[in-house]
Amino acid sequence: DNHSQVSRASLRIRILDVNDNPPELATPYEAAVCEDAKPGQLIQTISVVDRDEPQSGHRFYFTLAPEATNNHHFSLLDIKG
Protein backbone atom coordinates (compact mmCIF):
# COMPACT_ATOMS: atom_id res chain seq x y z
CA ASP A 1 0.00 0.00 0.00
CA ASN A 2 3.03 2.30 0.15
CA HIS A 3 3.47 3.83 -3.32
CA SER A 4 7.09 4.76 -2.59
CA GLN A 5 7.93 1.02 -2.33
CA VAL A 6 6.21 -0.05 -5.55
CA SER A 7 8.14 -0.56 -8.77
CA ARG A 8 7.17 -1.70 -12.21
CA ALA A 9 9.19 -3.25 -14.98
CA SER A 10 8.40 -4.52 -18.44
CA LEU A 11 9.08 -8.16 -19.03
CA ARG A 12 9.28 -9.77 -22.43
CA ILE A 13 8.99 -13.55 -22.66
CA ARG A 14 9.96 -15.47 -25.76
CA ILE A 15 8.58 -19.00 -25.93
CA LEU A 16 10.50 -21.45 -28.05
CA ASP A 17 8.58 -24.37 -29.48
CA VAL A 18 10.71 -27.33 -28.51
CA ASN A 19 8.09 -29.87 -29.57
CA ASP A 20 7.76 -29.13 -33.27
CA ASN A 21 6.73 -32.73 -33.92
CA PRO A 22 3.91 -34.36 -31.97
CA PRO A 23 4.15 -38.07 -31.13
CA GLU A 24 3.05 -40.30 -33.99
CA LEU A 25 2.69 -44.00 -34.75
CA ALA A 26 6.05 -45.54 -35.64
CA THR A 27 4.61 -47.08 -38.81
CA PRO A 28 1.16 -47.23 -40.39
CA TYR A 29 -0.69 -50.09 -38.69
CA GLU A 30 -3.48 -52.24 -40.04
CA ALA A 31 -4.80 -55.08 -37.93
CA ALA A 32 -7.11 -57.95 -38.79
CA VAL A 33 -8.82 -60.34 -36.42
CA CYS A 34 -9.43 -63.87 -37.69
CA GLU A 35 -12.65 -65.64 -36.78
CA ASP A 36 -10.70 -68.34 -34.91
CA ALA A 37 -8.83 -65.85 -32.66
CA LYS A 38 -8.71 -67.01 -29.07
CA PRO A 39 -9.92 -64.83 -26.15
CA GLY A 40 -6.97 -62.84 -24.82
CA GLN A 41 -4.92 -63.38 -27.99
CA LEU A 42 -2.55 -60.54 -28.90
CA ILE A 43 -3.83 -58.91 -32.08
CA GLN A 44 -1.53 -55.92 -32.62
CA THR A 45 1.50 -54.29 -31.01
CA ILE A 46 1.86 -50.58 -31.65
CA SER A 47 4.74 -48.20 -31.07
CA VAL A 48 4.97 -44.41 -31.01
CA VAL A 49 7.90 -42.14 -31.82
CA ASP A 50 8.55 -38.47 -31.16
CA ARG A 51 11.04 -36.84 -33.51
CA ASP A 52 11.80 -34.26 -30.76
CA GLU A 53 12.77 -37.08 -28.43
CA PRO A 54 15.41 -36.11 -25.86
CA GLN A 55 18.43 -38.32 -25.17
CA SER A 56 16.70 -39.92 -22.18
CA GLY A 57 13.62 -40.76 -24.25
CA HIS A 58 9.94 -40.38 -23.56
CA ARG A 59 7.49 -42.73 -21.91
CA PHE A 60 4.20 -42.96 -23.80
CA TYR A 61 0.93 -44.16 -22.34
CA PHE A 62 -2.09 -45.37 -24.25
CA THR A 63 -5.66 -45.42 -22.99
CA LEU A 64 -8.94 -46.51 -24.44
CA ALA A 65 -11.37 -43.83 -25.48
CA PRO A 66 -13.97 -43.16 -22.75
CA GLU A 67 -16.74 -44.81 -24.77
CA ALA A 68 -14.66 -48.02 -25.05
CA THR A 69 -13.66 -48.43 -21.40
CA ASN A 70 -16.60 -50.75 -20.63
CA ASN A 71 -16.14 -52.82 -23.79
CA HIS A 72 -14.92 -56.23 -22.65
CA HIS A 73 -14.03 -57.25 -26.22
CA PHE A 74 -11.06 -54.90 -26.43
CA SER A 75 -8.21 -54.13 -24.03
CA LEU A 76 -4.75 -52.57 -23.95
CA LEU A 77 -1.70 -54.17 -22.38
CA ASP A 78 1.48 -52.24 -21.56
CA ILE A 79 4.46 -54.41 -22.44
CA LYS A 80 6.83 -51.93 -20.74
CA GLY A 81 8.96 -51.62 -23.82
PDB file of N, CA and C in Angstrom:
ATOM      1  N   ASP A   1       0.800  -1.210   0.000  1.00  0.00           N
ATOM      2  CA  ASP A   1       0.000   0.000   0.000  1.00  0.00           C
ATOM      3  C   ASP A   1       0.842   1.272   0.000  1.00  0.00           C
ATOM      4  N   ASN A   2       2.156   1.139   0.133  1.00  0.00           N
ATOM      5  CA  ASN A   2       3.030   2.297   0.150  1.00  0.00           C
ATOM      6  C   ASN A   2       3.560   2.520  -1.262  1.00  0.00           C
ATOM      7  N   HIS A   3       3.095   3.574  -1.937  1.00  0.00           N
ATOM      8  CA  HIS A   3       3.471   3.830  -3.324  1.00  0.00           C
ATOM      9  C   HIS A   3       4.967   4.111  -3.495  1.00  0.00           C
ATOM     10  N   SER A   4       5.655   4.516  -2.467  1.00  0.00           N
ATOM     11  CA  SER A   4       7.090   4.760  -2.585  1.00  0.00           C
ATOM     12  C   SER A   4       7.878   3.448  -2.645  1.00  0.00           C
ATOM     13  N   GLN A   5       7.256   2.319  -2.306  1.00  0.00           N
ATOM     14  CA  GLN A   5       7.928   1.017  -2.328  1.00  0.00           C
ATOM     15  C   GLN A   5       7.436   0.120  -3.474  1.00  0.00           C
ATOM     16  N   VAL A   6       6.726   0.707  -4.417  1.00  0.00           N
ATOM     17  CA  VAL A   6       6.214  -0.051  -5.550  1.00  0.00           C
ATOM     18  C   VAL A   6       7.064   0.261  -6.768  1.00  0.00           C
ATOM     19  N   SER A   7       7.396  -0.773  -7.522  1.00  0.00           N
ATOM     20  CA  SER A   7       8.137  -0.558  -8.770  1.00  0.00           C
ATOM     21  C   SER A   7       7.499  -1.412  -9.855  1.00  0.00           C
ATOM     22  N   ARG A   8       7.706  -0.968 -11.058  1.00  0.00           N
ATOM     23  CA  ARG A   8       7.174  -1.700 -12.210  1.00  0.00           C
ATOM     24  C   ARG A   8       8.295  -1.878 -13.220  1.00  0.00           C
ATOM     25  N   ALA A   9       8.214  -2.981 -13.927  1.00  0.00           N
ATOM     26  CA  ALA A   9       9.194  -3.254 -14.983  1.00  0.00           C
ATOM     27  C   ALA A   9       8.487  -4.011 -16.097  1.00  0.00           C
ATOM     28  N   SER A  10       8.925  -3.768 -17.304  1.00  0.00           N
ATOM     29  CA  SER A  10       8.398  -4.521 -18.438  1.00  0.00           C
ATOM     30  C   SER A  10       9.172  -5.822 -18.565  1.00  0.00           C
ATOM     31  N   LEU A  11       8.475  -6.852 -18.876  1.00  0.00           N
ATOM     32  CA  LEU A  11       9.083  -8.164 -19.027  1.00  0.00           C
ATOM     33  C   LEU A  11       8.638  -8.722 -20.368  1.00  0.00           C
ATOM     34  N   ARG A  12       9.586  -9.180 -21.136  1.00  0.00           N
ATOM     35  CA  ARG A  12       9.280  -9.768 -22.428  1.00  0.00           C
ATOM     36  C   ARG A  12       9.678 -11.233 -22.373  1.00  0.00           C
ATOM     37  N   ILE A  13       8.748 -12.113 -22.705  1.00  0.00           N
ATOM     38  CA  ILE A  13       8.991 -13.552 -22.657  1.00  0.00           C
ATOM     39  C   ILE A  13       8.921 -14.100 -24.076  1.00  0.00           C
ATOM     40  N   ARG A  14       9.940 -14.826 -24.456  1.00  0.00           N
ATOM     41  CA  ARG A  14       9.963 -15.466 -25.763  1.00  0.00           C
ATOM     42  C   ARG A  14       9.837 -16.967 -25.537  1.00  0.00           C
ATOM     43  N   ILE A  15       8.815 -17.567 -26.099  1.00  0.00           N
ATOM     44  CA  ILE A  15       8.580 -18.998 -25.932  1.00  0.00           C
ATOM     45  C   ILE A  15       9.077 -19.716 -27.167  1.00  0.00           C
ATOM     46  N   LEU A  16       9.960 -20.659 -26.946  1.00  0.00           N
ATOM     47  CA  LEU A  16      10.499 -21.450 -28.047  1.00  0.00           C
ATOM     48  C   LEU A  16       9.730 -22.763 -28.121  1.00  0.00           C
ATOM     49  N   ASP A  17       9.297 -23.112 -29.294  1.00  0.00           N
ATOM     50  CA  ASP A  17       8.578 -24.365 -29.479  1.00  0.00           C
ATOM     51  C   ASP A  17       9.596 -25.492 -29.581  1.00  0.00           C
ATOM     52  N   VAL A  18       9.744 -26.244 -28.512  1.00  0.00           N
ATOM     53  CA  VAL A  18      10.710 -27.335 -28.509  1.00  0.00           C
ATOM     54  C   VAL A  18      10.069 -28.649 -28.951  1.00  0.00           C
ATOM     55  N   ASN A  19       8.758 -28.659 -29.129  1.00  0.00           N
ATOM     56  CA  ASN A  19       8.085 -29.867 -29.575  1.00  0.00           C
ATOM     57  C   ASN A  19       7.430 -29.596 -30.922  1.00  0.00           C
ATOM     58  N   ASP A  20       8.267 -29.408 -31.933  1.00  0.00           N
ATOM     59  CA  ASP A  20       7.760 -29.135 -33.272  1.00  0.00           C
ATOM     60  C   ASP A  20       7.009 -30.326 -33.856  1.00  0.00           C
ATOM     61  N   ASN A  21       7.348 -31.513 -33.400  1.00  0.00           N
ATOM     62  CA  ASN A  21       6.733 -32.729 -33.925  1.00  0.00           C
ATOM     63  C   ASN A  21       5.965 -33.441 -32.820  1.00  0.00           C
ATOM     64  N   PRO A  22       4.672 -33.617 -32.992  1.00  0.00           N
ATOM     65  CA  PRO A  22       3.911 -34.359 -31.973  1.00  0.00           C
ATOM     66  C   PRO A  22       4.224 -35.855 -32.080  1.00  0.00           C
ATOM     67  N   PRO A  23       3.965 -36.620 -31.034  1.00  0.00           N
ATOM     68  CA  PRO A  23       4.146 -38.075 -31.126  1.00  0.00           C
ATOM     69  C   PRO A  23       3.279 -38.641 -32.250  1.00  0.00           C
ATOM     70  N   GLU A  24       3.801 -39.670 -32.902  1.00  0.00           N
ATOM     71  CA  GLU A  24       3.053 -40.303 -33.995  1.00  0.00           C
ATOM     72  C   GLU A  24       3.330 -41.795 -33.995  1.00  0.00           C
ATOM     73  N   LEU A  25       2.475 -42.560 -34.648  1.00  0.00           N
ATOM     74  CA  LEU A  25       2.691 -43.996 -34.755  1.00  0.00           C
ATOM     75  C   LEU A  25       4.004 -44.247 -35.493  1.00  0.00           C
ATOM     76  N   ALA A  26       4.753 -45.240 -35.044  1.00  0.00           N
ATOM     77  CA  ALA A  26       6.054 -45.536 -35.641  1.00  0.00           C
ATOM     78  C   ALA A  26       5.923 -45.940 -37.104  1.00  0.00           C
ATOM     79  N   THR A  27       4.895 -46.675 -37.431  1.00  0.00           N
ATOM     80  CA  THR A  27       4.605 -47.076 -38.807  1.00  0.00           C
ATOM     81  C   THR A  27       3.093 -47.093 -38.975  1.00  0.00           C
ATOM     82  N   PRO A  28       2.604 -47.073 -40.201  1.00  0.00           N
ATOM     83  CA  PRO A  28       1.156 -47.235 -40.388  1.00  0.00           C
ATOM     84  C   PRO A  28       0.760 -48.660 -39.968  1.00  0.00           C
ATOM     85  N   TYR A  29      -0.254 -48.779 -39.165  1.00  0.00           N
ATOM     86  CA  TYR A  29      -0.690 -50.092 -38.687  1.00  0.00           C
ATOM     87  C   TYR A  29      -2.035 -50.441 -39.288  1.00  0.00           C
ATOM     88  N   GLU A  30      -2.193 -51.713 -39.595  1.00  0.00           N
ATOM     89  CA  GLU A  30      -3.478 -52.240 -40.041  1.00  0.00           C
ATOM     90  C   GLU A  30      -3.608 -53.609 -39.415  1.00  0.00           C
ATOM     91  N   ALA A  31      -4.632 -53.807 -38.636  1.00  0.00           N
ATOM     92  CA  ALA A  31      -4.799 -55.078 -37.932  1.00  0.00           C
ATOM     93  C   ALA A  31      -6.030 -55.801 -38.457  1.00  0.00           C
ATOM     94  N   ALA A  32      -5.971 -57.113 -38.403  1.00  0.00           N
ATOM     95  CA  ALA A  32      -7.106 -57.955 -38.791  1.00  0.00           C
ATOM     96  C   ALA A  32      -7.283 -59.017 -37.713  1.00  0.00           C
ATOM     97  N   VAL A  33      -8.518 -59.318 -37.409  1.00  0.00           N
ATOM     98  CA  VAL A  33      -8.819 -60.343 -36.417  1.00  0.00           C
ATOM     99  C   VAL A  33      -9.479 -61.505 -37.138  1.00  0.00           C
ATOM    100  N   CYS A  34      -8.870 -62.677 -37.048  1.00  0.00           N
ATOM    101  CA  CYS A  34      -9.426 -63.873 -37.686  1.00  0.00           C
ATOM    102  C   CYS A  34     -10.568 -64.421 -36.846  1.00  0.00           C
ATOM    103  N   GLU A  35     -11.479 -65.119 -37.492  1.00  0.00           N
ATOM    104  CA  GLU A  35     -12.647 -65.641 -36.782  1.00  0.00           C
ATOM    105  C   GLU A  35     -12.280 -66.696 -35.746  1.00  0.00           C
ATOM    106  N   ASP A  36     -11.102 -67.320 -35.886  1.00  0.00           N
ATOM    107  CA  ASP A  36     -10.703 -68.335 -34.907  1.00  0.00           C
ATOM    108  C   ASP A  36      -9.741 -67.788 -33.845  1.00  0.00           C
ATOM    109  N   ALA A  37      -9.691 -66.457 -33.697  1.00  0.00           N
ATOM    110  CA  ALA A  37      -8.834 -65.848 -32.663  1.00  0.00           C
ATOM    111  C   ALA A  37      -9.328 -66.276 -31.284  1.00  0.00           C
ATOM    112  N   LYS A  38      -8.391 -66.564 -30.426  1.00  0.00           N
ATOM    113  CA  LYS A  38      -8.713 -67.012 -29.070  1.00  0.00           C
ATOM    114  C   LYS A  38      -8.917 -65.805 -28.152  1.00  0.00           C
ATOM    115  N   PRO A  39      -9.769 -65.923 -27.128  1.00  0.00           N
ATOM    116  CA  PRO A  39      -9.919 -64.832 -26.152  1.00  0.00           C
ATOM    117  C   PRO A  39      -8.567 -64.529 -25.501  1.00  0.00           C
ATOM    118  N   GLY A  40      -8.228 -63.262 -25.421  1.00  0.00           N
ATOM    119  CA  GLY A  40      -6.967 -62.842 -24.818  1.00  0.00           C
ATOM    120  C   GLY A  40      -5.789 -62.886 -25.771  1.00  0.00           C
ATOM    121  N   GLN A  41      -6.005 -63.296 -27.001  1.00  0.00           N
ATOM    122  CA  GLN A  41      -4.923 -63.378 -27.990  1.00  0.00           C
ATOM    123  C   GLN A  41      -4.455 -61.986 -28.369  1.00  0.00           C
ATOM    124  N   LEU A  42      -3.132 -61.803 -28.466  1.00  0.00           N
ATOM    125  CA  LEU A  42      -2.548 -60.541 -28.898  1.00  0.00           C
ATOM    126  C   LEU A  42      -2.860 -60.338 -30.372  1.00  0.00           C
ATOM    127  N   ILE A  43      -3.453 -59.204 -30.691  1.00  0.00           N
ATOM    128  CA  ILE A  43      -3.830 -58.915 -32.077  1.00  0.00           C
ATOM    129  C   ILE A  43      -2.834 -57.969 -32.731  1.00  0.00           C
ATOM    130  N   GLN A  44      -2.407 -56.913 -32.016  1.00  0.00           N
ATOM    131  CA  GLN A  44      -1.535 -55.917 -32.624  1.00  0.00           C
ATOM    132  C   GLN A  44      -0.659 -55.285 -31.552  1.00  0.00           C
ATOM    133  N   THR A  45       0.599 -55.055 -31.869  1.00  0.00           N
ATOM    134  CA  THR A  45       1.501 -54.288 -31.012  1.00  0.00           C
ATOM    135  C   THR A  45       1.784 -52.983 -31.734  1.00  0.00           C
ATOM    136  N   ILE A  46       1.612 -51.875 -31.033  1.00  0.00           N
ATOM    137  CA  ILE A  46       1.862 -50.577 -31.648  1.00  0.00           C
ATOM    138  C   ILE A  46       2.994 -49.872 -30.924  1.00  0.00           C
ATOM    139  N   SER A  47       3.639 -48.962 -31.632  1.00  0.00           N
ATOM    140  CA  SER A  47       4.739 -48.198 -31.066  1.00  0.00           C
ATOM    141  C   SER A  47       4.616 -46.760 -31.550  1.00  0.00           C
ATOM    142  N   VAL A  48       5.047 -45.835 -30.711  1.00  0.00           N
ATOM    143  CA  VAL A  48       4.967 -44.415 -31.012  1.00  0.00           C
ATOM    144  C   VAL A  48       6.366 -43.818 -30.966  1.00  0.00           C
ATOM    145  N   VAL A  49       6.623 -42.852 -31.827  1.00  0.00           N
ATOM    146  CA  VAL A  49       7.898 -42.142 -31.824  1.00  0.00           C
ATOM    147  C   VAL A  49       7.634 -40.644 -31.721  1.00  0.00           C
ATOM    148  N   ASP A  50       8.609 -39.933 -31.218  1.00  0.00           N
ATOM    149  CA  ASP A  50       8.550 -38.474 -31.157  1.00  0.00           C
ATOM    150  C   ASP A  50       9.868 -37.970 -31.714  1.00  0.00           C
ATOM    151  N   ARG A  51       9.815 -37.287 -32.836  1.00  0.00           N
ATOM    152  CA  ARG A  51      11.036 -36.837 -33.505  1.00  0.00           C
ATOM    153  C   ARG A  51      11.785 -35.787 -32.683  1.00  0.00           C
ATOM    154  N   ASP A  52      11.142 -35.207 -31.671  1.00  0.00           N
ATOM    155  CA  ASP A  52      11.799 -34.264 -30.762  1.00  0.00           C
ATOM    156  C   ASP A  52      12.332 -34.980 -29.533  1.00  0.00           C
ATOM    157  N   GLU A  53      12.412 -36.274 -29.587  1.00  0.00           N
ATOM    158  CA  GLU A  53      12.765 -37.079 -28.426  1.00  0.00           C
ATOM    159  C   GLU A  53      14.104 -36.669 -27.824  1.00  0.00           C
ATOM    160  N   PRO A  54      14.135 -36.419 -26.520  1.00  0.00           N
ATOM    161  CA  PRO A  54      15.410 -36.109 -25.863  1.00  0.00           C
ATOM    162  C   PRO A  54      16.258 -37.374 -25.711  1.00  0.00           C
ATOM    163  N   GLN A  55      17.503 -37.195 -25.329  1.00  0.00           N
ATOM    164  CA  GLN A  55      18.425 -38.322 -25.172  1.00  0.00           C
ATOM    165  C   GLN A  55      17.877 -39.387 -24.225  1.00  0.00           C
ATOM    166  N   SER A  56      17.212 -38.957 -23.158  1.00  0.00           N
ATOM    167  CA  SER A  56      16.703 -39.918 -22.177  1.00  0.00           C
ATOM    168  C   SER A  56      15.436 -40.615 -22.646  1.00  0.00           C
ATOM    169  N   GLY A  57      14.818 -40.124 -23.713  1.00  0.00           N
ATOM    170  CA  GLY A  57      13.621 -40.758 -24.254  1.00  0.00           C
ATOM    171  C   GLY A  57      12.355 -40.360 -23.517  1.00  0.00           C
ATOM    172  N   HIS A  58      11.242 -40.659 -24.135  1.00  0.00           N
ATOM    173  CA  HIS A  58       9.936 -40.382 -23.556  1.00  0.00           C
ATOM    174  C   HIS A  58       9.279 -41.684 -23.153  1.00  0.00           C
ATOM    175  N   ARG A  59       8.315 -41.576 -22.281  1.00  0.00           N
ATOM    176  CA  ARG A  59       7.495 -42.725 -21.907  1.00  0.00           C
ATOM    177  C   ARG A  59       6.085 -42.401 -22.371  1.00  0.00           C
ATOM    178  N   PHE A  60       5.533 -43.191 -23.268  1.00  0.00           N
ATOM    179  CA  PHE A  60       4.204 -42.958 -23.796  1.00  0.00           C
ATOM    180  C   PHE A  60       3.211 -43.882 -23.119  1.00  0.00           C
ATOM    181  N   TYR A  61       2.007 -43.378 -22.927  1.00  0.00           N
ATOM    182  CA  TYR A  61       0.931 -44.158 -22.340  1.00  0.00           C
ATOM    183  C   TYR A  61      -0.253 -44.140 -23.287  1.00  0.00           C
ATOM    184  N   PHE A  62      -0.919 -45.256 -23.401  1.00  0.00           N
ATOM    185  CA  PHE A  62      -2.090 -45.374 -24.252  1.00  0.00           C
ATOM    186  C   PHE A  62      -3.292 -45.684 -23.366  1.00  0.00           C
ATOM    187  N   THR A  63      -4.421 -45.116 -23.700  1.00  0.00           N
ATOM    188  CA  THR A  63      -5.660 -45.418 -22.990  1.00  0.00           C
ATOM    189  C   THR A  63      -6.774 -45.606 -23.999  1.00  0.00           C
ATOM    190  N   LEU A  64      -7.767 -46.348 -23.594  1.00  0.00           N
ATOM    191  CA  LEU A  64      -8.940 -46.513 -24.440  1.00  0.00           C
ATOM    192  C   LEU A  64      -9.772 -45.244 -24.390  1.00  0.00           C
ATOM    193  N   ALA A  65     -10.456 -44.964 -25.460  1.00  0.00           N
ATOM    194  CA  ALA A  65     -11.371 -43.832 -25.482  1.00  0.00           C
ATOM    195  C   ALA A  65     -12.451 -44.067 -24.430  1.00  0.00           C
ATOM    196  N   PRO A  66     -12.973 -42.997 -23.817  1.00  0.00           N
ATOM    197  CA  PRO A  66     -13.969 -43.159 -22.749  1.00  0.00           C
ATOM    198  C   PRO A  66     -15.141 -44.070 -23.131  1.00  0.00           C
ATOM    199  N   GLU A  67     -15.593 -43.988 -24.364  1.00  0.00           N
ATOM    200  CA  GLU A  67     -16.740 -44.811 -24.770  1.00  0.00           C
ATOM    201  C   GLU A  67     -16.379 -46.290 -24.914  1.00  0.00           C
ATOM    202  N   ALA A  68     -15.086 -46.627 -24.905  1.00  0.00           N
ATOM    203  CA  ALA A  68     -14.661 -48.020 -25.051  1.00  0.00           C
ATOM    204  C   ALA A  68     -14.211 -48.652 -23.739  1.00  0.00           C
ATOM    205  N   THR A  69     -14.194 -47.895 -22.651  1.00  0.00           N
ATOM    206  CA  THR A  69     -13.658 -48.432 -21.395  1.00  0.00           C
ATOM    207  C   THR A  69     -14.476 -49.583 -20.835  1.00  0.00           C
ATOM    208  N   ASN A  70     -15.758 -49.656 -21.136  1.00  0.00           N
ATOM    209  CA  ASN A  70     -16.596 -50.749 -20.633  1.00  0.00           C
ATOM    210  C   ASN A  70     -16.769 -51.863 -21.649  1.00  0.00           C
ATOM    211  N   ASN A  71     -16.056 -51.791 -22.768  1.00  0.00           N
ATOM    212  CA  ASN A  71     -16.140 -52.816 -23.794  1.00  0.00           C
ATOM    213  C   ASN A  71     -15.188 -53.946 -23.412  1.00  0.00           C
ATOM    214  N   HIS A  72     -15.743 -55.098 -23.095  1.00  0.00           N
ATOM    215  CA  HIS A  72     -14.922 -56.231 -22.650  1.00  0.00           C
ATOM    216  C   HIS A  72     -14.324 -57.012 -23.810  1.00  0.00           C
ATOM    217  N   HIS A  73     -14.565 -56.566 -25.044  1.00  0.00           N
ATOM    218  CA  HIS A  73     -14.034 -57.245 -26.219  1.00  0.00           C
ATOM    219  C   HIS A  73     -12.725 -56.630 -26.694  1.00  0.00           C
ATOM    220  N   PHE A  74     -12.273 -55.583 -26.007  1.00  0.00           N
ATOM    221  CA  PHE A  74     -11.055 -54.904 -26.432  1.00  0.00           C
ATOM    222  C   PHE A  74     -10.316 -54.416 -25.205  1.00  0.00           C
ATOM    223  N   SER A  75      -8.993 -54.596 -25.164  1.00  0.00           N
ATOM    224  CA  SER A  75      -8.210 -54.126 -24.031  1.00  0.00           C
ATOM    225  C   SER A  75      -6.815 -53.723 -24.504  1.00  0.00           C
ATOM    226  N   LEU A  76      -6.131 -52.970 -23.675  1.00  0.00           N
ATOM    227  CA  LEU A  76      -4.753 -52.568 -23.945  1.00  0.00           C
ATOM    228  C   LEU A  76      -3.862 -53.192 -22.884  1.00  0.00           C
ATOM    229  N   LEU A  77      -2.669 -53.578 -23.298  1.00  0.00           N
ATOM    230  CA  LEU A  77      -1.700 -54.172 -22.381  1.00  0.00           C
ATOM    231  C   LEU A  77      -0.391 -53.453 -22.577  1.00  0.00           C
ATOM    232  N   ASP A  78       0.182 -52.924 -21.510  1.00  0.00           N
ATOM    233  CA  ASP A  78       1.476 -52.241 -21.562  1.00  0.00           C
ATOM    234  C   ASP A  78       2.572 -53.285 -21.437  1.00  0.00           C
ATOM    235  N   ILE A  79       3.399 -53.415 -22.472  1.00  0.00           N
ATOM    236  CA  ILE A  79       4.463 -54.415 -22.437  1.00  0.00           C
ATOM    237  C   ILE A  79       5.770 -53.823 -21.917  1.00  0.00           C
ATOM    238  N   LYS A  80       5.696 -52.595 -21.385  1.00  0.00           N
ATOM    239  CA  LYS A  80       6.831 -51.933 -20.739  1.00  0.00           C
ATOM    240  C   LYS A  80       8.040 -51.835 -21.651  1.00  0.00           C
ATOM    241  N   GLY A  81       7.830 -51.678 -22.944  1.00  0.00           N
ATOM    242  CA  GLY A  81       8.965 -51.619 -23.825  1.00  0.00           C
ATOM    243  C   GLY A  81       8.868 -50.474 -24.804  1.00  0.00           C
TER     244      GLY A  81
END
